[in-house]
N, C-alpha and C. Protein backbone atom coordinates (compact mmCIF):
# COMPACT_ATOMS: atom_id res chain seq x y z
N MET A 1 -40.92 -49.11 86.29
CA MET A 1 -40.52 -49.18 84.92
C MET A 1 -39.73 -47.90 84.58
N SER A 2 -38.54 -48.06 84.05
CA SER A 2 -37.72 -46.89 83.71
C SER A 2 -38.01 -46.46 82.29
N THR A 3 -37.76 -45.18 82.04
CA THR A 3 -37.99 -44.67 80.69
C THR A 3 -36.75 -44.92 79.85
N PRO A 4 -36.93 -45.16 78.57
CA PRO A 4 -35.78 -45.42 77.70
C PRO A 4 -34.90 -44.17 77.59
N LEU A 5 -33.62 -44.40 77.43
CA LEU A 5 -32.65 -43.31 77.32
C LEU A 5 -32.94 -42.46 76.08
N PHE A 6 -33.22 -43.12 74.99
CA PHE A 6 -33.52 -42.41 73.74
C PHE A 6 -34.96 -42.71 73.34
N THR A 7 -35.65 -41.66 73.02
CA THR A 7 -37.01 -41.85 72.52
C THR A 7 -37.01 -41.53 71.04
N HIS A 8 -38.16 -41.69 70.41
CA HIS A 8 -38.22 -41.45 68.97
C HIS A 8 -37.97 -39.97 68.65
N THR A 9 -38.09 -39.05 69.59
CA THR A 9 -37.79 -37.64 69.34
C THR A 9 -36.35 -37.27 69.71
N THR A 10 -35.78 -37.90 70.72
CA THR A 10 -34.42 -37.53 71.13
C THR A 10 -33.35 -38.27 70.33
N LEU A 11 -33.66 -39.45 69.81
CA LEU A 11 -32.66 -40.22 69.07
C LEU A 11 -32.15 -39.48 67.83
N PRO A 12 -33.00 -38.91 66.97
CA PRO A 12 -32.48 -38.19 65.81
C PRO A 12 -31.63 -36.97 66.20
N LEU A 13 -32.05 -36.25 67.23
CA LEU A 13 -31.27 -35.09 67.68
C LEU A 13 -29.91 -35.52 68.23
N THR A 14 -29.88 -36.61 68.96
CA THR A 14 -28.63 -37.12 69.52
C THR A 14 -27.69 -37.58 68.41
N LEU A 15 -28.22 -38.30 67.43
CA LEU A 15 -27.40 -38.74 66.30
C LEU A 15 -26.87 -37.56 65.49
N PHE A 16 -27.72 -36.55 65.30
CA PHE A 16 -27.31 -35.37 64.56
C PHE A 16 -26.17 -34.64 65.30
N ALA A 17 -26.32 -34.47 66.61
CA ALA A 17 -25.28 -33.81 67.41
C ALA A 17 -23.99 -34.63 67.39
N LEU A 18 -24.11 -35.94 67.45
CA LEU A 18 -22.94 -36.82 67.42
C LEU A 18 -22.22 -36.70 66.07
N MET A 19 -22.99 -36.66 64.98
CA MET A 19 -22.39 -36.54 63.65
C MET A 19 -21.66 -35.19 63.50
N ILE A 20 -22.24 -34.13 64.02
CA ILE A 20 -21.59 -32.81 63.96
C ILE A 20 -20.30 -32.83 64.77
N GLY A 21 -20.35 -33.44 65.95
CA GLY A 21 -19.15 -33.52 66.80
C GLY A 21 -18.04 -34.31 66.14
N ILE A 22 -18.36 -35.42 65.53
CA ILE A 22 -17.35 -36.25 64.84
C ILE A 22 -16.77 -35.50 63.66
N ASN A 23 -17.64 -34.85 62.88
CA ASN A 23 -17.18 -34.08 61.73
C ASN A 23 -16.26 -32.94 62.18
N ALA A 24 -16.61 -32.26 63.25
CA ALA A 24 -15.77 -31.18 63.78
C ALA A 24 -14.43 -31.71 64.24
N ALA A 25 -14.42 -32.86 64.89
CA ALA A 25 -13.18 -33.46 65.37
C ALA A 25 -12.26 -33.80 64.20
N PHE A 26 -12.81 -34.38 63.14
CA PHE A 26 -11.99 -34.71 61.97
C PHE A 26 -11.47 -33.44 61.28
N THR A 27 -12.27 -32.41 61.22
CA THR A 27 -11.84 -31.15 60.60
C THR A 27 -10.69 -30.53 61.38
N VAL A 28 -10.82 -30.47 62.69
CA VAL A 28 -9.76 -29.91 63.53
C VAL A 28 -8.49 -30.75 63.40
N GLN A 29 -8.64 -32.07 63.40
CA GLN A 29 -7.48 -32.95 63.28
C GLN A 29 -6.76 -32.71 61.95
N ARG A 30 -7.50 -32.55 60.87
CA ARG A 30 -6.89 -32.30 59.57
C ARG A 30 -6.18 -30.95 59.53
N LEU A 31 -6.76 -29.95 60.18
CA LEU A 31 -6.14 -28.62 60.20
C LEU A 31 -4.86 -28.61 61.04
N LEU A 32 -4.84 -29.36 62.10
CA LEU A 32 -3.69 -29.36 63.01
C LEU A 32 -2.67 -30.45 62.68
N ASP A 33 -3.04 -31.36 61.81
CA ASP A 33 -2.16 -32.48 61.48
C ASP A 33 -0.90 -31.98 60.80
N LYS A 34 0.23 -32.44 61.30
CA LYS A 34 1.52 -32.06 60.73
C LYS A 34 2.15 -33.27 60.06
N GLU A 35 2.90 -33.00 59.03
CA GLU A 35 3.65 -34.06 58.36
C GLU A 35 4.76 -34.52 59.30
N ILE A 36 4.99 -35.82 59.33
CA ILE A 36 6.10 -36.37 60.10
C ILE A 36 7.27 -36.54 59.16
N VAL A 37 8.42 -35.97 59.55
CA VAL A 37 9.62 -36.06 58.74
C VAL A 37 10.73 -36.71 59.56
N GLU A 38 11.75 -37.15 58.84
CA GLU A 38 12.85 -37.90 59.45
C GLU A 38 14.12 -37.06 59.45
N PHE A 39 14.87 -37.11 60.56
CA PHE A 39 16.16 -36.43 60.67
C PHE A 39 17.17 -37.41 61.27
N ASP A 40 18.28 -37.59 60.57
CA ASP A 40 19.34 -38.50 61.04
C ASP A 40 20.28 -37.74 61.97
N MET A 41 19.85 -37.62 63.21
CA MET A 41 20.62 -36.87 64.20
C MET A 41 21.92 -37.60 64.54
N ASN A 42 21.88 -38.93 64.60
CA ASN A 42 23.09 -39.69 64.94
C ASN A 42 24.21 -39.40 63.95
N HIS A 43 23.91 -39.41 62.67
CA HIS A 43 24.92 -39.14 61.64
C HIS A 43 25.44 -37.72 61.77
N THR A 44 24.55 -36.78 62.03
CA THR A 44 24.93 -35.37 62.16
C THR A 44 25.89 -35.19 63.34
N ILE A 45 25.56 -35.78 64.46
CA ILE A 45 26.41 -35.66 65.65
C ILE A 45 27.73 -36.39 65.45
N THR A 46 27.68 -37.58 64.86
CA THR A 46 28.91 -38.35 64.62
C THR A 46 29.87 -37.59 63.72
N THR A 47 29.34 -36.97 62.67
CA THR A 47 30.17 -36.18 61.77
C THR A 47 30.82 -35.03 62.52
N PHE A 48 30.05 -34.34 63.35
CA PHE A 48 30.61 -33.24 64.15
C PHE A 48 31.69 -33.76 65.10
N GLU A 49 31.42 -34.87 65.77
CA GLU A 49 32.40 -35.43 66.71
C GLU A 49 33.71 -35.78 66.00
N GLN A 50 33.61 -36.32 64.79
CA GLN A 50 34.82 -36.64 64.03
C GLN A 50 35.58 -35.38 63.66
N ASP A 51 34.87 -34.35 63.25
CA ASP A 51 35.52 -33.09 62.89
C ASP A 51 36.19 -32.43 64.09
N ILE A 52 35.50 -32.43 65.22
CA ILE A 52 36.05 -31.78 66.42
C ILE A 52 37.24 -32.57 66.96
N ALA A 53 37.23 -33.89 66.77
CA ALA A 53 38.35 -34.72 67.22
C ALA A 53 39.61 -34.42 66.41
N LYS A 54 39.43 -34.07 65.14
CA LYS A 54 40.57 -33.75 64.27
C LYS A 54 41.11 -32.35 64.52
N SER A 55 40.35 -31.53 65.19
CA SER A 55 40.77 -30.15 65.41
C SER A 55 41.91 -30.09 66.42
N HIS A 56 42.59 -28.98 66.42
CA HIS A 56 43.72 -28.79 67.33
C HIS A 56 43.32 -27.86 68.47
N LEU A 57 42.08 -28.00 68.92
CA LEU A 57 41.59 -27.16 70.00
C LEU A 57 41.97 -27.74 71.36
N SER A 58 42.10 -26.88 72.34
CA SER A 58 42.33 -27.36 73.70
C SER A 58 41.05 -28.04 74.18
N ASP A 59 41.17 -28.80 75.25
CA ASP A 59 39.99 -29.48 75.79
C ASP A 59 38.90 -28.49 76.19
N ALA A 60 39.31 -27.38 76.77
CA ALA A 60 38.33 -26.37 77.19
C ALA A 60 37.60 -25.78 75.98
N LYS A 61 38.35 -25.43 74.93
CA LYS A 61 37.73 -24.87 73.73
C LYS A 61 36.87 -25.91 73.02
N ARG A 62 37.33 -27.15 73.04
CA ARG A 62 36.55 -28.22 72.43
C ARG A 62 35.21 -28.37 73.15
N GLU A 63 35.22 -28.29 74.47
CA GLU A 63 33.98 -28.40 75.26
C GLU A 63 33.04 -27.24 74.94
N VAL A 64 33.59 -26.05 74.79
CA VAL A 64 32.77 -24.88 74.43
C VAL A 64 32.13 -25.10 73.06
N GLU A 65 32.90 -25.62 72.11
CA GLU A 65 32.37 -25.86 70.76
C GLU A 65 31.30 -26.95 70.77
N ILE A 66 31.48 -27.96 71.58
CA ILE A 66 30.48 -29.03 71.68
C ILE A 66 29.17 -28.47 72.24
N GLN A 67 29.28 -27.66 73.27
CA GLN A 67 28.08 -27.05 73.85
C GLN A 67 27.39 -26.11 72.85
N ARG A 68 28.19 -25.34 72.12
CA ARG A 68 27.63 -24.43 71.11
C ARG A 68 26.93 -25.22 70.01
N PHE A 69 27.56 -26.30 69.56
CA PHE A 69 26.97 -27.15 68.52
C PHE A 69 25.65 -27.74 69.00
N THR A 70 25.65 -28.28 70.21
CA THR A 70 24.44 -28.91 70.75
C THR A 70 23.30 -27.91 70.87
N ARG A 71 23.62 -26.74 71.41
CA ARG A 71 22.60 -25.69 71.57
C ARG A 71 22.07 -25.23 70.20
N THR A 72 22.97 -25.04 69.26
CA THR A 72 22.57 -24.58 67.92
C THR A 72 21.76 -25.64 67.20
N LEU A 73 22.16 -26.90 67.32
CA LEU A 73 21.42 -28.00 66.70
C LEU A 73 19.99 -28.03 67.23
N ASP A 74 19.84 -27.92 68.54
CA ASP A 74 18.51 -27.93 69.14
C ASP A 74 17.66 -26.78 68.61
N ASN A 75 18.25 -25.58 68.56
CA ASN A 75 17.51 -24.41 68.06
C ASN A 75 17.13 -24.55 66.58
N VAL A 76 18.06 -25.07 65.78
CA VAL A 76 17.80 -25.22 64.34
C VAL A 76 16.69 -26.25 64.10
N VAL A 77 16.72 -27.35 64.82
CA VAL A 77 15.68 -28.38 64.65
C VAL A 77 14.31 -27.82 65.04
N LYS A 78 14.25 -27.11 66.16
CA LYS A 78 12.98 -26.52 66.59
C LYS A 78 12.48 -25.50 65.57
N GLN A 79 13.39 -24.66 65.07
CA GLN A 79 13.00 -23.63 64.11
C GLN A 79 12.55 -24.26 62.78
N TYR A 80 13.23 -25.31 62.35
CA TYR A 80 12.84 -26.00 61.12
C TYR A 80 11.41 -26.55 61.26
N ALA A 81 11.14 -27.16 62.39
CA ALA A 81 9.80 -27.72 62.62
C ALA A 81 8.74 -26.63 62.59
N LEU A 82 9.02 -25.49 63.22
CA LEU A 82 8.06 -24.38 63.22
C LEU A 82 7.87 -23.80 61.82
N ASP A 83 8.99 -23.53 61.15
CA ASP A 83 8.92 -22.91 59.82
C ASP A 83 8.22 -23.79 58.80
N ASN A 84 8.41 -25.10 58.92
CA ASN A 84 7.86 -26.02 57.91
C ASN A 84 6.60 -26.75 58.38
N LYS A 85 6.15 -26.44 59.58
CA LYS A 85 4.93 -27.04 60.15
C LYS A 85 4.99 -28.57 60.06
N VAL A 86 6.09 -29.12 60.61
CA VAL A 86 6.29 -30.56 60.60
C VAL A 86 6.63 -31.05 62.00
N THR A 87 6.49 -32.33 62.19
CA THR A 87 6.95 -33.00 63.39
C THR A 87 8.18 -33.79 62.98
N ILE A 88 9.29 -33.56 63.68
CA ILE A 88 10.55 -34.21 63.32
C ILE A 88 10.80 -35.38 64.27
N LEU A 89 11.04 -36.53 63.67
CA LEU A 89 11.44 -37.70 64.44
C LEU A 89 12.83 -38.13 63.98
N VAL A 90 13.61 -38.65 64.92
CA VAL A 90 14.95 -39.13 64.55
C VAL A 90 14.82 -40.43 63.78
N SER A 91 15.80 -40.67 62.92
CA SER A 91 15.74 -41.81 61.99
C SER A 91 15.43 -43.16 62.64
N PRO A 92 16.01 -43.51 63.79
CA PRO A 92 15.69 -44.82 64.35
C PRO A 92 14.21 -45.00 64.70
N ALA A 93 13.49 -43.90 64.89
CA ALA A 93 12.07 -43.98 65.24
C ALA A 93 11.18 -44.20 64.03
N ILE A 94 11.72 -44.06 62.84
CA ILE A 94 10.95 -44.17 61.60
C ILE A 94 11.21 -45.53 60.97
N VAL A 95 10.15 -46.24 60.67
CA VAL A 95 10.29 -47.51 59.97
C VAL A 95 10.36 -47.25 58.47
N SER A 96 9.41 -46.49 57.95
CA SER A 96 9.42 -46.13 56.53
C SER A 96 8.35 -45.08 56.26
N GLY A 97 8.50 -44.43 55.13
CA GLY A 97 7.44 -43.55 54.66
C GLY A 97 7.58 -42.08 55.00
N ALA A 98 8.53 -41.71 55.84
CA ALA A 98 8.68 -40.30 56.19
C ALA A 98 9.72 -39.66 55.27
N ARG A 99 9.48 -38.41 54.94
CA ARG A 99 10.41 -37.66 54.11
C ARG A 99 11.65 -37.35 54.94
N ASP A 100 12.84 -37.58 54.37
CA ASP A 100 14.10 -37.34 55.06
C ASP A 100 14.52 -35.89 54.84
N VAL A 101 14.63 -35.13 55.93
CA VAL A 101 15.02 -33.72 55.84
C VAL A 101 16.40 -33.48 56.45
N THR A 102 17.19 -34.54 56.58
CA THR A 102 18.50 -34.43 57.20
C THR A 102 19.37 -33.38 56.50
N ALA A 103 19.44 -33.43 55.20
CA ALA A 103 20.29 -32.48 54.46
C ALA A 103 19.83 -31.04 54.69
N ASN A 104 18.53 -30.82 54.71
CA ASN A 104 18.00 -29.47 54.92
C ASN A 104 18.40 -28.94 56.30
N ILE A 105 18.25 -29.78 57.31
CA ILE A 105 18.59 -29.36 58.68
C ILE A 105 20.09 -29.17 58.82
N GLN A 106 20.88 -30.05 58.20
CA GLN A 106 22.33 -29.91 58.28
C GLN A 106 22.79 -28.60 57.61
N HIS A 107 22.19 -28.24 56.49
CA HIS A 107 22.53 -26.97 55.83
C HIS A 107 22.16 -25.78 56.72
N ALA A 108 20.98 -25.84 57.32
CA ALA A 108 20.56 -24.76 58.23
C ALA A 108 21.48 -24.68 59.44
N LEU A 109 21.92 -25.83 59.94
CA LEU A 109 22.85 -25.88 61.07
C LEU A 109 24.18 -25.24 60.70
N LEU A 110 24.71 -25.61 59.53
CA LEU A 110 25.98 -25.02 59.08
C LEU A 110 25.85 -23.51 58.90
N ASP A 111 24.74 -23.06 58.32
CA ASP A 111 24.52 -21.62 58.15
C ASP A 111 24.50 -20.92 59.50
N ALA A 112 23.82 -21.51 60.48
CA ALA A 112 23.74 -20.90 61.81
C ALA A 112 25.10 -20.86 62.48
N LEU A 113 25.87 -21.94 62.37
CA LEU A 113 27.21 -21.96 62.97
C LEU A 113 28.14 -20.96 62.29
N HIS A 114 28.07 -20.85 60.97
CA HIS A 114 28.89 -19.88 60.25
C HIS A 114 28.50 -18.44 60.64
N ALA A 115 27.21 -18.20 60.78
CA ALA A 115 26.74 -16.86 61.18
C ALA A 115 27.26 -16.53 62.58
N GLN A 116 27.25 -17.52 63.46
CA GLN A 116 27.79 -17.29 64.81
C GLN A 116 29.28 -16.98 64.76
N ASN A 117 30.03 -17.71 63.92
CA ASN A 117 31.46 -17.47 63.79
C ASN A 117 31.74 -16.06 63.25
N GLU A 118 30.96 -15.66 62.24
CA GLU A 118 31.15 -14.33 61.68
C GLU A 118 30.82 -13.24 62.69
N ALA A 119 29.75 -13.45 63.46
CA ALA A 119 29.38 -12.48 64.50
C ALA A 119 30.48 -12.40 65.56
N LYS A 120 31.05 -13.54 65.90
CA LYS A 120 32.12 -13.58 66.90
C LYS A 120 33.35 -12.85 66.38
N GLN A 121 33.70 -13.07 65.12
CA GLN A 121 34.86 -12.40 64.53
C GLN A 121 34.63 -10.89 64.43
N THR A 122 33.44 -10.50 64.05
CA THR A 122 33.11 -9.08 63.96
C THR A 122 33.20 -8.43 65.34
N SER A 123 32.71 -9.14 66.34
CA SER A 123 32.76 -8.64 67.71
C SER A 123 34.20 -8.49 68.18
N GLN A 124 35.05 -9.45 67.84
CA GLN A 124 36.46 -9.38 68.24
C GLN A 124 37.17 -8.23 67.53
N ILE A 125 36.86 -8.00 66.26
CA ILE A 125 37.47 -6.90 65.52
C ILE A 125 37.04 -5.57 66.12
N THR A 126 35.76 -5.46 66.47
CA THR A 126 35.25 -4.24 67.09
C THR A 126 35.94 -4.01 68.43
N ASP A 127 36.12 -5.08 69.20
CA ASP A 127 36.80 -4.96 70.49
C ASP A 127 38.24 -4.49 70.31
N ILE A 128 38.95 -5.02 69.32
CA ILE A 128 40.33 -4.64 69.06
C ILE A 128 40.38 -3.18 68.62
N ASP A 129 39.45 -2.79 67.75
CA ASP A 129 39.40 -1.40 67.28
C ASP A 129 39.19 -0.43 68.44
N SER A 130 38.33 -0.79 69.37
CA SER A 130 38.05 0.11 70.49
C SER A 130 39.25 0.19 71.44
N ILE A 131 40.02 -0.89 71.54
CA ILE A 131 41.22 -0.88 72.36
C ILE A 131 42.30 -0.02 71.70
N ASP A 132 42.43 -0.14 70.37
CA ASP A 132 43.43 0.63 69.63
C ASP A 132 43.05 2.11 69.51
N GLY A 133 41.82 2.43 69.77
CA GLY A 133 41.35 3.80 69.60
C GLY A 133 40.95 4.09 68.18
N SER A 134 40.79 3.05 67.36
CA SER A 134 40.43 3.23 65.95
C SER A 134 39.00 3.67 65.77
N ASP A 135 38.17 3.55 66.80
CA ASP A 135 36.76 3.94 66.70
C ASP A 135 36.62 5.45 66.61
N GLU A 136 37.57 6.16 67.11
CA GLU A 136 37.43 7.60 67.27
C GLU A 136 37.51 8.33 65.98
């Protein structure tokens, strides 16, 4: 004859431990739970592709700008998610109910690209000044 798994003394302790474990799991889940937001990446990339197609850049410069845009977009999306404690999904993955943050990310992307352009221009001016001897 085998002994029962739970006896009248172990059953309450087991249920109590189980309830504490479940409560702890729900608490941790609530603390770590992030809001899911929507980003229309397709529209953002399509708009960039249309703008770059209209530009008068050489193929080589166009490729450099595409790579810079892609890298910056990736960094901006990651940073937005970290700063806002959200999980970002692209629009086709969302059926409904998620807050759309496309405009916010696009503004941050434009700010980052403009900052890169300004840094590049400043660097070029500094390089020209050092060649001209204007630094001295």
